């Protein structure tokens, strides 16, 4: 915060005793997407954290209420992802078995995604792209 912003903020609070700081409140839904990096050093995993959607809220109280609802959605989406991953692996194994192939014939599947919710001042603060190189 710059010095003049601090001064203006204090002056405003002296004029309006019940003033509130200007702060944005967002509820953000994220997906964590794992990926298999390759066979180096026995294989390694990474993950990307992707902003799926967000909502700007009028205040922290509204954000907290919305967050609780979106957390239910995140739990459901994570369960759907878990099931889809299991189904995908099962189909791959059946395909391999029908052809008499070893599991190593196909590349390692990336894994199931999971979802989480965050309250943020700026949407996307939790986003991250994982390294695609063995470190």
N, C-alpha and C. Protein backbone atom coordinates (compact mmCIF):
# COMPACT_ATOMS: atom_id res chain seq x y z
N UNK A 1 0.85 -1.18 0.00
CA UNK A 1 0.00 0.00 0.00
C UNK A 1 0.89 1.24 0.00
N UNK A 2 0.60 2.17 -0.88
CA UNK A 2 1.36 3.42 -0.92
C UNK A 2 1.01 4.27 0.30
N UNK A 3 1.93 5.18 0.68
CA UNK A 3 1.71 6.03 1.84
C UNK A 3 0.47 6.90 1.69
N UNK A 4 0.26 7.46 0.48
CA UNK A 4 -0.90 8.33 0.31
C UNK A 4 -2.21 7.54 0.40
N UNK A 5 -2.21 6.25 -0.05
CA UNK A 5 -3.41 5.43 0.10
C UNK A 5 -3.72 5.21 1.58
N UNK A 6 -2.68 4.98 2.37
CA UNK A 6 -2.85 4.80 3.80
C UNK A 6 -3.45 6.08 4.42
N UNK A 7 -2.92 7.24 4.04
CA UNK A 7 -3.42 8.51 4.55
C UNK A 7 -4.88 8.71 4.17
N UNK A 8 -5.23 8.46 2.89
CA UNK A 8 -6.61 8.65 2.44
C UNK A 8 -7.55 7.71 3.17
N UNK A 9 -7.09 6.48 3.38
CA UNK A 9 -7.91 5.51 4.10
C UNK A 9 -8.16 5.94 5.53
N UNK A 10 -7.14 6.43 6.21
CA UNK A 10 -7.30 6.90 7.59
C UNK A 10 -8.22 8.12 7.64
N UNK A 11 -8.04 9.03 6.70
CA UNK A 11 -8.89 10.23 6.66
C UNK A 11 -10.35 9.86 6.45
N UNK A 12 -10.59 8.89 5.58
CA UNK A 12 -11.95 8.44 5.33
C UNK A 12 -12.55 7.83 6.59
N UNK A 13 -11.78 7.01 7.30
CA UNK A 13 -12.27 6.39 8.52
C UNK A 13 -12.51 7.42 9.63
N UNK A 14 -11.78 8.50 9.63
CA UNK A 14 -12.02 9.55 10.62
C UNK A 14 -13.34 10.25 10.31
N UNK A 15 -13.68 10.36 9.04
CA UNK A 15 -14.92 11.01 8.64
C UNK A 15 -16.11 10.08 8.81
N UNK A 16 -15.94 8.82 8.43
CA UNK A 16 -17.01 7.81 8.50
C UNK A 16 -16.54 6.69 9.41
N UNK A 17 -16.92 6.73 10.66
CA UNK A 17 -16.41 5.79 11.66
C UNK A 17 -16.72 4.33 11.35
N UNK A 18 -17.85 4.06 10.68
CA UNK A 18 -18.21 2.67 10.40
C UNK A 18 -17.85 2.24 8.97
N UNK A 19 -16.93 2.98 8.35
CA UNK A 19 -16.51 2.66 6.99
C UNK A 19 -15.84 1.30 6.93
N UNK A 20 -15.97 0.66 5.79
CA UNK A 20 -15.35 -0.65 5.57
C UNK A 20 -14.29 -0.52 4.49
N UNK A 21 -13.24 -1.31 4.60
CA UNK A 21 -12.20 -1.30 3.59
C UNK A 21 -12.75 -1.85 2.27
N UNK A 22 -12.30 -1.26 1.18
CA UNK A 22 -12.68 -1.76 -0.13
C UNK A 22 -11.95 -3.07 -0.38
N UNK A 23 -12.70 -4.13 -0.51
CA UNK A 23 -12.10 -5.45 -0.70
C UNK A 23 -13.05 -6.27 -1.56
N UNK A 24 -12.50 -6.93 -2.55
CA UNK A 24 -13.32 -7.79 -3.39
C UNK A 24 -13.43 -9.16 -2.75
N UNK A 25 -14.57 -9.78 -2.93
CA UNK A 25 -14.82 -11.12 -2.40
C UNK A 25 -15.29 -12.01 -3.55
N UNK A 26 -14.50 -12.99 -3.89
CA UNK A 26 -14.85 -13.93 -4.94
C UNK A 26 -14.88 -15.34 -4.37
N UNK A 27 -15.80 -16.12 -4.88
CA UNK A 27 -15.82 -17.55 -4.60
C UNK A 27 -15.42 -18.21 -5.91
N UNK A 28 -14.37 -19.03 -5.85
CA UNK A 28 -13.81 -19.64 -7.05
C UNK A 28 -13.83 -21.16 -6.94
N UNK A 29 -14.18 -21.80 -8.05
CA UNK A 29 -14.15 -23.26 -8.15
C UNK A 29 -12.93 -23.65 -8.97
N UNK A 30 -12.14 -24.55 -8.45
CA UNK A 30 -10.92 -25.01 -9.11
C UNK A 30 -10.98 -26.50 -9.37
N UNK A 31 -10.29 -26.92 -10.44
CA UNK A 31 -10.08 -28.33 -10.72
C UNK A 31 -8.59 -28.61 -10.66
N UNK A 32 -8.21 -29.63 -9.93
CA UNK A 32 -6.82 -30.07 -9.89
C UNK A 32 -6.72 -31.27 -10.83
N UNK A 33 -5.92 -31.09 -11.89
CA UNK A 33 -5.80 -32.10 -12.94
C UNK A 33 -4.41 -32.72 -12.89
N UNK A 34 -4.32 -33.99 -12.48
CA UNK A 34 -3.01 -34.64 -12.43
C UNK A 34 -2.55 -35.07 -13.82
N UNK A 35 -1.25 -35.19 -13.98
CA UNK A 35 -0.70 -35.73 -15.23
C UNK A 35 0.52 -36.57 -14.91
N UNK A 36 0.70 -37.57 -15.73
CA UNK A 36 1.86 -38.46 -15.60
C UNK A 36 2.96 -37.88 -16.47
N UNK A 37 4.12 -37.68 -15.89
CA UNK A 37 5.20 -37.01 -16.59
C UNK A 37 6.08 -37.89 -17.43
N UNK A 38 6.05 -39.18 -17.23
CA UNK A 38 6.88 -40.06 -18.04
C UNK A 38 7.65 -41.05 -17.20
N UNK A 39 8.39 -41.93 -17.86
CA UNK A 39 9.06 -43.01 -17.15
C UNK A 39 10.39 -42.64 -16.50
N UNK A 40 10.82 -41.39 -16.65
CA UNK A 40 12.11 -41.00 -16.06
C UNK A 40 12.10 -41.24 -14.56
N UNK A 41 13.18 -41.81 -14.06
CA UNK A 41 13.33 -42.07 -12.62
C UNK A 41 12.14 -42.84 -12.05
N UNK A 42 11.60 -43.76 -12.84
CA UNK A 42 10.50 -44.59 -12.36
C UNK A 42 9.13 -43.95 -12.52
N UNK A 43 9.05 -42.86 -13.22
CA UNK A 43 7.77 -42.17 -13.43
C UNK A 43 7.58 -41.06 -12.42
N UNK A 44 6.93 -40.01 -12.83
CA UNK A 44 6.67 -38.91 -11.92
C UNK A 44 5.34 -38.26 -12.29
N UNK A 45 4.78 -37.59 -11.33
CA UNK A 45 3.46 -36.98 -11.48
C UNK A 45 3.56 -35.48 -11.27
N UNK A 46 2.69 -34.77 -11.92
CA UNK A 46 2.54 -33.34 -11.71
C UNK A 46 1.05 -33.02 -11.67
N UNK A 47 0.74 -31.75 -11.51
CA UNK A 47 -0.68 -31.37 -11.52
C UNK A 47 -0.82 -29.92 -11.92
N UNK A 48 -1.93 -29.65 -12.57
CA UNK A 48 -2.33 -28.30 -12.91
C UNK A 48 -3.53 -27.94 -12.04
N UNK A 49 -3.56 -26.72 -11.57
CA UNK A 49 -4.72 -26.22 -10.83
C UNK A 49 -5.38 -25.17 -11.71
N UNK A 50 -6.60 -25.47 -12.13
CA UNK A 50 -7.29 -24.69 -13.16
C UNK A 50 -8.52 -24.01 -12.57
N UNK A 51 -8.64 -22.71 -12.79
CA UNK A 51 -9.85 -21.97 -12.39
C UNK A 51 -10.97 -22.36 -13.34
N UNK A 52 -12.06 -22.90 -12.80
CA UNK A 52 -13.19 -23.36 -13.60
C UNK A 52 -14.23 -22.24 -13.72
N UNK A 53 -14.55 -21.60 -12.59
CA UNK A 53 -15.57 -20.55 -12.57
C UNK A 53 -15.41 -19.74 -11.29
N UNK A 54 -15.97 -18.54 -11.30
CA UNK A 54 -15.93 -17.72 -10.09
C UNK A 54 -17.15 -16.80 -10.05
N UNK A 55 -17.44 -16.32 -8.85
CA UNK A 55 -18.55 -15.38 -8.65
C UNK A 55 -18.08 -14.26 -7.74
N UNK A 56 -18.35 -13.04 -8.13
CA UNK A 56 -18.05 -11.89 -7.28
C UNK A 56 -19.20 -11.72 -6.31
N UNK A 57 -18.87 -11.55 -5.04
CA UNK A 57 -19.87 -11.41 -3.99
C UNK A 57 -19.83 -10.00 -3.41
N UNK A 58 -20.94 -9.59 -2.86
CA UNK A 58 -21.06 -8.24 -2.33
C UNK A 58 -20.28 -8.06 -1.03
N UNK A 59 -20.12 -9.14 -0.26
CA UNK A 59 -19.42 -9.04 1.02
C UNK A 59 -18.89 -10.41 1.43
N UNK A 60 -18.10 -10.43 2.48
CA UNK A 60 -17.50 -11.68 2.96
C UNK A 60 -18.56 -12.67 3.44
N UNK A 61 -19.63 -12.17 4.04
CA UNK A 61 -20.69 -13.04 4.53
C UNK A 61 -21.38 -13.76 3.38
N UNK A 62 -21.66 -13.02 2.30
CA UNK A 62 -22.27 -13.64 1.13
C UNK A 62 -21.31 -14.68 0.53
N UNK A 63 -20.03 -14.35 0.46
CA UNK A 63 -19.04 -15.27 -0.09
C UNK A 63 -19.00 -16.57 0.73
N UNK A 64 -19.06 -16.46 2.03
CA UNK A 64 -19.02 -17.66 2.89
C UNK A 64 -20.25 -18.54 2.65
N UNK A 65 -21.41 -17.92 2.51
CA UNK A 65 -22.63 -18.68 2.27
C UNK A 65 -22.57 -19.38 0.91
N UNK A 66 -22.12 -18.67 -0.09
CA UNK A 66 -22.01 -19.26 -1.43
C UNK A 66 -20.94 -20.35 -1.44
N UNK A 67 -19.87 -20.12 -0.73
CA UNK A 67 -18.80 -21.12 -0.67
C UNK A 67 -19.32 -22.45 -0.16
N UNK A 68 -20.13 -22.41 0.88
CA UNK A 68 -20.67 -23.66 1.44
C UNK A 68 -21.47 -24.44 0.39
N UNK A 69 -22.23 -23.73 -0.43
CA UNK A 69 -23.01 -24.39 -1.48
C UNK A 69 -22.11 -24.93 -2.58
N UNK A 70 -21.12 -24.16 -2.98
CA UNK A 70 -20.23 -24.59 -4.06
C UNK A 70 -19.35 -25.75 -3.59
N UNK A 71 -19.04 -25.83 -2.30
CA UNK A 71 -18.27 -26.96 -1.78
C UNK A 71 -19.03 -28.28 -1.97
N UNK A 72 -20.36 -28.22 -1.87
CA UNK A 72 -21.16 -29.42 -2.14
C UNK A 72 -21.00 -29.83 -3.60
N UNK A 73 -21.04 -28.86 -4.50
CA UNK A 73 -20.84 -29.13 -5.92
C UNK A 73 -19.45 -29.70 -6.17
N UNK A 74 -18.44 -29.12 -5.55
CA UNK A 74 -17.06 -29.59 -5.74
C UNK A 74 -16.94 -31.05 -5.29
N UNK A 75 -17.59 -31.40 -4.22
CA UNK A 75 -17.56 -32.79 -3.74
C UNK A 75 -18.20 -33.72 -4.77
N UNK A 76 -19.34 -33.30 -5.32
CA UNK A 76 -20.02 -34.11 -6.34
C UNK A 76 -19.16 -34.25 -7.60
N UNK A 77 -18.58 -33.15 -8.05
CA UNK A 77 -17.73 -33.20 -9.24
C UNK A 77 -16.51 -34.09 -9.03
N UNK A 78 -15.94 -34.06 -7.84
CA UNK A 78 -14.80 -34.92 -7.53
C UNK A 78 -15.21 -36.39 -7.58
N UNK A 79 -16.38 -36.70 -7.07
CA UNK A 79 -16.86 -38.07 -7.10
C UNK A 79 -17.12 -38.53 -8.53
N UNK A 80 -17.70 -37.68 -9.35
CA UNK A 80 -17.92 -38.01 -10.77
C UNK A 80 -16.58 -38.28 -11.45
N UNK A 81 -15.59 -37.46 -11.17
CA UNK A 81 -14.26 -37.64 -11.75
C UNK A 81 -13.64 -38.96 -11.30
N UNK A 82 -13.79 -39.28 -10.02
CA UNK A 82 -13.24 -40.53 -9.49
C UNK A 82 -13.86 -41.73 -10.19
N UNK A 83 -15.17 -41.70 -10.36
CA UNK A 83 -15.86 -42.80 -11.04
C UNK A 83 -15.43 -42.89 -12.50
N UNK A 84 -15.37 -41.76 -13.18
CA UNK A 84 -14.98 -41.75 -14.60
C UNK A 84 -13.57 -42.31 -14.78
N UNK A 85 -12.67 -41.96 -13.88
CA UNK A 85 -11.31 -42.48 -13.94
C UNK A 85 -11.30 -43.99 -13.75
N UNK A 86 -12.05 -44.47 -12.78
CA UNK A 86 -12.15 -45.91 -12.55
C UNK A 86 -12.72 -46.63 -13.75
N UNK A 87 -13.76 -46.06 -14.35
CA UNK A 87 -14.37 -46.66 -15.55
C UNK A 87 -13.36 -46.70 -16.70
N UNK A 88 -12.62 -45.62 -16.87
CA UNK A 88 -11.61 -45.55 -17.92
C UNK A 88 -10.55 -46.64 -17.73
N UNK A 89 -10.06 -46.79 -16.51
CA UNK A 89 -9.05 -47.81 -16.23
C UNK A 89 -9.60 -49.21 -16.48
N UNK A 90 -10.85 -49.45 -16.08
CA UNK A 90 -11.47 -50.75 -16.29
C UNK A 90 -11.58 -51.06 -17.78
N UNK A 91 -12.02 -50.08 -18.57
CA UNK A 91 -12.11 -50.29 -20.02
C UNK A 91 -10.75 -50.59 -20.64
N UNK A 92 -9.73 -49.89 -20.17
CA UNK A 92 -8.39 -50.14 -20.68
C UNK A 92 -7.94 -51.56 -20.35
N UNK A 93 -8.17 -51.99 -19.13
CA UNK A 93 -7.76 -53.33 -18.72
C UNK A 93 -8.51 -54.40 -19.51
N UNK A 94 -9.81 -54.19 -19.74
CA UNK A 94 -10.59 -55.15 -20.53
C UNK A 94 -10.08 -55.20 -21.97
N UNK A 95 -9.74 -54.04 -22.52
CA UNK A 95 -9.21 -53.97 -23.89
C UNK A 95 -7.90 -54.74 -23.98
N UNK A 96 -7.02 -54.53 -23.01
CA UNK A 96 -5.72 -55.21 -22.99
C UNK A 96 -5.90 -56.73 -22.84
N UNK A 97 -6.79 -57.11 -21.93
CA UNK A 97 -7.02 -58.53 -21.68
C UNK A 97 -7.56 -59.23 -22.92
N UNK A 98 -8.48 -58.58 -23.63
CA UNK A 98 -9.07 -59.16 -24.84
C UNK A 98 -8.02 -59.39 -25.93
N UNK A 99 -6.93 -58.67 -25.87
CA UNK A 99 -5.87 -58.77 -26.88
C UNK A 99 -4.63 -59.50 -26.35
N UNK A 100 -4.69 -59.91 -25.10
CA UNK A 100 -3.56 -60.62 -24.51
C UNK A 100 -2.33 -59.75 -24.31
N UNK A 101 -2.55 -58.47 -24.05
CA UNK A 101 -1.44 -57.51 -23.89
C UNK A 101 -1.20 -57.20 -22.42
N UNK A 102 0.05 -56.87 -22.10
CA UNK A 102 0.40 -56.46 -20.74
C UNK A 102 -0.06 -55.02 -20.49
N UNK A 103 -0.21 -54.68 -19.23
CA UNK A 103 -0.64 -53.33 -18.85
C UNK A 103 0.35 -52.26 -19.33
N UNK A 104 1.62 -52.64 -19.47
CA UNK A 104 2.63 -51.68 -19.93
C UNK A 104 2.46 -51.28 -21.40
N UNK A 105 1.58 -51.96 -22.11
CA UNK A 105 1.37 -51.66 -23.53
C UNK A 105 0.80 -50.24 -23.71
N UNK A 106 -0.06 -49.83 -22.81
CA UNK A 106 -0.67 -48.49 -22.88
C UNK A 106 0.08 -47.52 -21.97
N UNK A 107 0.05 -46.24 -22.29
CA UNK A 107 0.69 -45.26 -21.41
C UNK A 107 -0.06 -45.17 -20.08
N UNK A 108 0.66 -44.72 -19.07
CA UNK A 108 0.06 -44.53 -17.75
C UNK A 108 -1.06 -43.50 -17.85
N UNK A 109 -2.26 -43.80 -17.32
CA UNK A 109 -3.33 -42.79 -17.34
C UNK A 109 -2.99 -41.64 -16.39
N UNK A 110 -3.52 -40.48 -16.69
CA UNK A 110 -3.16 -39.28 -15.93
C UNK A 110 -3.72 -39.25 -14.50
N UNK A 111 -4.81 -39.88 -14.23
CA UNK A 111 -5.36 -39.85 -12.88
C UNK A 111 -6.65 -39.06 -12.82
N UNK A 112 -7.31 -39.15 -11.69
CA UNK A 112 -8.60 -38.48 -11.52
C UNK A 112 -8.40 -37.04 -11.06
N UNK A 113 -9.24 -36.18 -11.56
CA UNK A 113 -9.24 -34.78 -11.11
C UNK A 113 -10.00 -34.69 -9.79
N UNK A 114 -9.74 -33.63 -9.05
CA UNK A 114 -10.60 -33.30 -7.92
C UNK A 114 -10.81 -31.79 -7.92
N UNK A 115 -11.86 -31.38 -7.23
CA UNK A 115 -12.29 -29.99 -7.24
C UNK A 115 -12.26 -29.42 -5.83
N UNK A 116 -11.97 -28.11 -5.75
CA UNK A 116 -12.03 -27.43 -4.46
C UNK A 116 -12.51 -26.00 -4.66
N UNK A 117 -12.87 -25.37 -3.57
CA UNK A 117 -13.42 -24.02 -3.59
C UNK A 117 -12.53 -23.11 -2.76
N UNK A 118 -12.37 -21.88 -3.21
CA UNK A 118 -11.57 -20.89 -2.47
C UNK A 118 -12.30 -19.56 -2.45
N UNK A 119 -12.15 -18.84 -1.34
CA UNK A 119 -12.58 -17.44 -1.28
C UNK A 119 -11.33 -16.61 -1.54
N UNK A 120 -11.43 -15.68 -2.48
CA UNK A 120 -10.26 -14.93 -2.92
C UNK A 120 -10.61 -13.45 -3.12
N UNK A 121 -9.58 -12.63 -3.10
CA UNK A 121 -9.76 -11.22 -3.45
C UNK A 121 -9.66 -11.02 -4.95
N UNK A 122 -8.96 -11.93 -5.62
CA UNK A 122 -8.81 -11.89 -7.08
C UNK A 122 -9.03 -13.30 -7.60
N UNK A 123 -9.95 -13.50 -8.57
CA UNK A 123 -10.15 -14.86 -9.08
C UNK A 123 -8.89 -15.38 -9.76
N UNK A 124 -8.59 -16.65 -9.50
CA UNK A 124 -7.44 -17.28 -10.13
C UNK A 124 -6.18 -17.28 -9.30
N UNK A 125 -6.24 -16.80 -8.07
CA UNK A 125 -5.04 -16.75 -7.21
C UNK A 125 -4.44 -18.14 -6.98
N UNK A 126 -5.28 -19.17 -7.03
CA UNK A 126 -4.81 -20.52 -6.75
C UNK A 126 -4.34 -21.26 -8.02
N UNK A 127 -4.56 -20.67 -9.19
CA UNK A 127 -4.20 -21.33 -10.45
C UNK A 127 -2.70 -21.60 -10.51
N UNK A 128 -2.36 -22.76 -11.10
CA UNK A 128 -0.96 -23.12 -11.22
C UNK A 128 -0.81 -24.16 -12.33
N UNK A 129 0.21 -24.01 -13.13
CA UNK A 129 0.52 -24.99 -14.15
C UNK A 129 1.74 -25.77 -13.70
N UNK A 130 1.56 -27.08 -13.60
CA UNK A 130 2.66 -27.92 -13.14
C UNK A 130 3.76 -28.05 -14.19
N UNK A 131 4.96 -28.33 -13.73
CA UNK A 131 6.09 -28.51 -14.61
C UNK A 131 5.95 -29.79 -15.41
N UNK A 132 6.27 -29.74 -16.67
CA UNK A 132 6.21 -30.91 -17.53
C UNK A 132 7.58 -31.59 -17.65
N UNK A 133 8.50 -31.21 -16.79
CA UNK A 133 9.86 -31.77 -16.82
C UNK A 133 10.17 -32.40 -15.49
N UNK A 134 10.90 -33.51 -15.53
CA UNK A 134 11.31 -34.17 -14.30
C UNK A 134 12.27 -33.25 -13.54
N UNK A 135 11.99 -33.03 -12.28
CA UNK A 135 12.82 -32.14 -11.46
C UNK A 135 13.39 -32.86 -10.26
